[in-house]
N, C-alpha and C. Protein backbone atom coordinates (compact mmCIF):
# COMPACT_ATOMS: atom_id res chain seq x y z
N MET A 1 -105.57 3.40 32.94
CA MET A 1 -105.15 2.71 31.73
C MET A 1 -105.04 1.22 32.06
N THR A 2 -105.55 0.40 31.19
CA THR A 2 -105.50 -1.04 31.42
C THR A 2 -104.31 -1.65 30.71
N ASN A 3 -104.01 -2.88 31.06
CA ASN A 3 -102.91 -3.58 30.41
C ASN A 3 -103.14 -3.79 28.94
N THR A 4 -104.39 -3.94 28.52
CA THR A 4 -104.65 -4.14 27.10
C THR A 4 -104.32 -2.88 26.32
N ALA A 5 -104.47 -1.72 26.93
CA ALA A 5 -104.10 -0.48 26.25
C ALA A 5 -102.59 -0.35 26.13
N MET A 6 -101.86 -0.81 27.16
CA MET A 6 -100.40 -0.73 27.13
C MET A 6 -99.81 -1.82 26.26
N HIS A 7 -100.47 -2.95 26.19
CA HIS A 7 -99.97 -4.11 25.46
C HIS A 7 -101.09 -4.64 24.56
N PRO A 8 -101.25 -4.06 23.38
CA PRO A 8 -102.38 -4.45 22.54
C PRO A 8 -102.37 -5.93 22.14
N THR A 9 -101.21 -6.58 22.13
CA THR A 9 -101.15 -7.98 21.73
C THR A 9 -101.44 -8.93 22.88
N ARG A 10 -101.45 -8.43 24.10
CA ARG A 10 -101.69 -9.28 25.26
C ARG A 10 -103.16 -9.16 25.67
N PRO A 11 -103.83 -10.29 25.89
CA PRO A 11 -105.22 -10.22 26.32
C PRO A 11 -105.32 -9.63 27.72
N ALA A 12 -106.52 -9.21 28.09
CA ALA A 12 -106.74 -8.68 29.44
C ALA A 12 -106.32 -9.73 30.46
N LEU A 13 -105.62 -9.30 31.49
CA LEU A 13 -105.13 -10.22 32.52
C LEU A 13 -106.18 -10.41 33.59
N THR A 14 -106.28 -11.65 34.08
CA THR A 14 -107.14 -11.93 35.21
C THR A 14 -106.38 -12.80 36.19
N ASP A 15 -106.72 -12.69 37.46
CA ASP A 15 -106.08 -13.53 38.45
C ASP A 15 -106.77 -14.89 38.48
N TRP A 16 -106.37 -15.74 39.39
CA TRP A 16 -106.90 -17.10 39.46
C TRP A 16 -108.40 -17.14 39.75
N ARG A 17 -108.93 -16.04 40.30
CA ARG A 17 -110.36 -15.98 40.60
C ARG A 17 -111.16 -15.42 39.42
N GLY A 18 -110.45 -14.96 38.39
CA GLY A 18 -111.13 -14.37 37.23
C GLY A 18 -111.29 -12.86 37.33
N TYR A 19 -110.75 -12.26 38.38
CA TYR A 19 -110.83 -10.80 38.52
C TYR A 19 -109.76 -10.14 37.66
N PRO A 20 -110.08 -8.99 37.07
CA PRO A 20 -109.07 -8.32 36.24
C PRO A 20 -107.88 -7.83 37.06
N VAL A 21 -106.70 -7.93 36.47
CA VAL A 21 -105.47 -7.46 37.10
C VAL A 21 -104.94 -6.32 36.25
N THR A 22 -104.79 -5.15 36.85
CA THR A 22 -104.25 -4.00 36.13
C THR A 22 -102.97 -3.56 36.82
N VAL A 23 -101.87 -3.98 36.25
CA VAL A 23 -100.55 -3.62 36.77
C VAL A 23 -100.03 -2.47 35.91
N THR A 24 -99.56 -1.41 36.56
CA THR A 24 -99.06 -0.26 35.81
C THR A 24 -97.74 -0.59 35.12
N ARG A 25 -97.37 0.25 34.19
CA ARG A 25 -96.10 0.07 33.48
C ARG A 25 -94.94 0.09 34.47
N ARG A 26 -94.96 0.98 35.44
CA ARG A 26 -93.88 1.07 36.42
C ARG A 26 -93.84 -0.19 37.29
N GLU A 27 -95.01 -0.70 37.67
CA GLU A 27 -95.05 -1.94 38.44
C GLU A 27 -94.49 -3.10 37.62
N GLU A 28 -94.77 -3.11 36.32
CA GLU A 28 -94.18 -4.12 35.44
C GLU A 28 -92.66 -4.01 35.44
N GLU A 29 -92.14 -2.79 35.40
CA GLU A 29 -90.69 -2.59 35.41
C GLU A 29 -90.09 -3.08 36.73
N VAL A 30 -90.76 -2.80 37.83
CA VAL A 30 -90.29 -3.28 39.14
C VAL A 30 -90.31 -4.80 39.17
N LEU A 31 -91.40 -5.40 38.71
CA LEU A 31 -91.49 -6.86 38.67
C LEU A 31 -90.41 -7.47 37.79
N GLN A 32 -90.15 -6.86 36.63
CA GLN A 32 -89.13 -7.41 35.75
C GLN A 32 -87.75 -7.33 36.40
N ALA A 33 -87.47 -6.23 37.08
CA ALA A 33 -86.19 -6.10 37.76
C ALA A 33 -86.05 -7.14 38.87
N ILE A 34 -87.13 -7.38 39.61
CA ILE A 34 -87.11 -8.40 40.66
C ILE A 34 -86.91 -9.78 40.01
N CYS A 35 -87.60 -10.02 38.90
CA CYS A 35 -87.45 -11.28 38.17
C CYS A 35 -86.02 -11.48 37.68
N ASP A 36 -85.36 -10.37 37.34
CA ASP A 36 -83.96 -10.42 36.90
C ASP A 36 -82.99 -10.63 38.05
N GLY A 37 -83.51 -10.67 39.29
CA GLY A 37 -82.68 -10.95 40.44
C GLY A 37 -82.20 -9.74 41.22
N CYS A 38 -82.76 -8.58 40.93
CA CYS A 38 -82.34 -7.36 41.62
C CYS A 38 -82.93 -7.28 43.03
N SER A 39 -82.14 -6.76 43.95
CA SER A 39 -82.61 -6.47 45.30
C SER A 39 -83.35 -5.13 45.26
N THR A 40 -83.98 -4.77 46.35
CA THR A 40 -84.69 -3.49 46.41
C THR A 40 -83.76 -2.32 46.10
N PRO A 41 -82.55 -2.23 46.70
CA PRO A 41 -81.66 -1.12 46.35
C PRO A 41 -81.25 -1.14 44.87
N GLU A 42 -81.07 -2.33 44.31
CA GLU A 42 -80.71 -2.42 42.89
C GLU A 42 -81.85 -1.99 41.98
N VAL A 43 -83.08 -2.35 42.34
CA VAL A 43 -84.25 -1.91 41.57
C VAL A 43 -84.33 -0.38 41.62
N ALA A 44 -84.16 0.17 42.81
CA ALA A 44 -84.21 1.63 42.97
C ALA A 44 -83.17 2.31 42.08
N SER A 45 -81.98 1.80 42.08
CA SER A 45 -80.91 2.38 41.26
C SER A 45 -81.21 2.23 39.77
N ARG A 46 -81.65 1.05 39.36
CA ARG A 46 -81.93 0.77 37.95
C ARG A 46 -83.04 1.66 37.41
N LEU A 47 -84.08 1.90 38.23
CA LEU A 47 -85.24 2.65 37.77
C LEU A 47 -85.26 4.11 38.23
N TYR A 48 -84.17 4.54 38.89
CA TYR A 48 -84.05 5.93 39.38
C TYR A 48 -85.20 6.28 40.32
N LEU A 49 -85.43 5.38 41.28
CA LEU A 49 -86.45 5.56 42.30
C LEU A 49 -85.81 5.48 43.68
N SER A 50 -86.53 5.94 44.69
CA SER A 50 -86.06 5.72 46.06
C SER A 50 -86.44 4.29 46.46
N GLN A 51 -85.76 3.78 47.45
CA GLN A 51 -86.08 2.43 47.94
C GLN A 51 -87.50 2.40 48.51
N LYS A 52 -87.92 3.48 49.13
CA LYS A 52 -89.27 3.55 49.68
C LYS A 52 -90.30 3.45 48.55
N THR A 53 -90.05 4.10 47.42
CA THR A 53 -90.98 4.03 46.29
C THR A 53 -91.03 2.61 45.74
N VAL A 54 -89.90 1.94 45.66
CA VAL A 54 -89.87 0.54 45.21
C VAL A 54 -90.71 -0.31 46.15
N LYS A 55 -90.55 -0.09 47.45
CA LYS A 55 -91.33 -0.86 48.43
C LYS A 55 -92.82 -0.58 48.30
N ASN A 56 -93.18 0.68 48.00
CA ASN A 56 -94.58 1.02 47.78
C ASN A 56 -95.13 0.31 46.55
N HIS A 57 -94.34 0.28 45.48
CA HIS A 57 -94.76 -0.44 44.27
C HIS A 57 -94.93 -1.92 44.57
N LEU A 58 -94.00 -2.50 45.34
CA LEU A 58 -94.10 -3.91 45.69
C LEU A 58 -95.36 -4.19 46.51
N ALA A 59 -95.68 -3.31 47.44
CA ALA A 59 -96.89 -3.50 48.25
C ALA A 59 -98.14 -3.50 47.35
N SER A 60 -98.16 -2.60 46.38
CA SER A 60 -99.28 -2.53 45.44
C SER A 60 -99.34 -3.79 44.58
N ILE A 61 -98.17 -4.24 44.13
CA ILE A 61 -98.09 -5.46 43.32
C ILE A 61 -98.59 -6.66 44.11
N TYR A 62 -98.17 -6.78 45.36
CA TYR A 62 -98.60 -7.91 46.20
C TYR A 62 -100.13 -7.93 46.31
N GLN A 63 -100.71 -6.77 46.51
CA GLN A 63 -102.16 -6.68 46.65
C GLN A 63 -102.84 -7.07 45.34
N LYS A 64 -102.37 -6.51 44.24
CA LYS A 64 -102.99 -6.76 42.94
C LYS A 64 -102.87 -8.21 42.50
N LEU A 65 -101.73 -8.83 42.80
CA LEU A 65 -101.50 -10.21 42.38
C LEU A 65 -101.84 -11.22 43.46
N ASP A 66 -102.36 -10.73 44.58
CA ASP A 66 -102.72 -11.59 45.71
C ASP A 66 -101.53 -12.45 46.13
N ALA A 67 -100.38 -11.77 46.27
CA ALA A 67 -99.13 -12.45 46.63
C ALA A 67 -98.71 -12.03 48.03
N ARG A 68 -98.04 -12.93 48.74
CA ARG A 68 -97.59 -12.61 50.09
C ARG A 68 -96.13 -12.18 50.14
N ASP A 69 -95.37 -12.45 49.04
CA ASP A 69 -93.96 -12.05 49.01
C ASP A 69 -93.50 -11.91 47.56
N ARG A 70 -92.24 -11.48 47.38
CA ARG A 70 -91.77 -11.21 46.02
C ARG A 70 -91.65 -12.48 45.19
N THR A 71 -91.36 -13.60 45.80
CA THR A 71 -91.28 -14.86 45.05
C THR A 71 -92.64 -15.21 44.45
N GLN A 72 -93.67 -15.16 45.27
CA GLN A 72 -95.00 -15.47 44.78
C GLN A 72 -95.45 -14.45 43.74
N ALA A 73 -95.10 -13.18 43.92
CA ALA A 73 -95.46 -12.14 42.94
C ALA A 73 -94.80 -12.41 41.60
N VAL A 74 -93.52 -12.79 41.61
CA VAL A 74 -92.81 -13.07 40.36
C VAL A 74 -93.40 -14.30 39.68
N LEU A 75 -93.68 -15.35 40.44
CA LEU A 75 -94.28 -16.55 39.85
C LEU A 75 -95.63 -16.24 39.21
N THR A 76 -96.45 -15.46 39.89
CA THR A 76 -97.75 -15.08 39.34
C THR A 76 -97.56 -14.22 38.10
N ALA A 77 -96.63 -13.27 38.15
CA ALA A 77 -96.37 -12.41 37.00
C ALA A 77 -95.88 -13.21 35.80
N LEU A 78 -95.07 -14.24 36.04
CA LEU A 78 -94.62 -15.12 34.96
C LEU A 78 -95.80 -15.87 34.35
N ARG A 79 -96.67 -16.40 35.20
CA ARG A 79 -97.83 -17.14 34.71
C ARG A 79 -98.77 -16.24 33.89
N LEU A 80 -98.90 -14.98 34.31
CA LEU A 80 -99.78 -14.04 33.62
C LEU A 80 -99.14 -13.39 32.40
N GLY A 81 -97.84 -13.63 32.21
CA GLY A 81 -97.15 -13.04 31.07
C GLY A 81 -96.75 -11.59 31.25
N ILE A 82 -96.72 -11.12 32.49
CA ILE A 82 -96.33 -9.74 32.77
C ILE A 82 -94.83 -9.57 32.66
N VAL A 83 -94.08 -10.58 33.10
CA VAL A 83 -92.61 -10.55 33.02
C VAL A 83 -92.14 -11.78 32.25
N ARG A 84 -90.87 -11.78 31.90
CA ARG A 84 -90.30 -12.91 31.18
C ARG A 84 -88.92 -13.24 31.74
N LEU A 85 -88.53 -14.47 31.56
CA LEU A 85 -87.18 -14.89 31.93
C LEU A 85 -86.30 -14.73 30.69
N ASP A 86 -85.17 -14.09 30.87
CA ASP A 86 -84.26 -13.92 29.73
C ASP A 86 -83.12 -14.90 29.79
């Protein structure tokens, strides 16, 4: 499933190189929790996941967004419109 299917009002996402970015709904939830300032244990608790699963989602997010850490992943996600600041 692509992001356009999950978010019909949002155009297809591409990274800085023009490659498509397909972040899953769960990865979006993890990114939003990180953007909200949650630590890994807090994300796990909020989303009813194990900490290992959160770390696996983060590893996938880093790869998809070509990020080296959570700060860079959140900044990229903000630029792409995946997450928002409240």
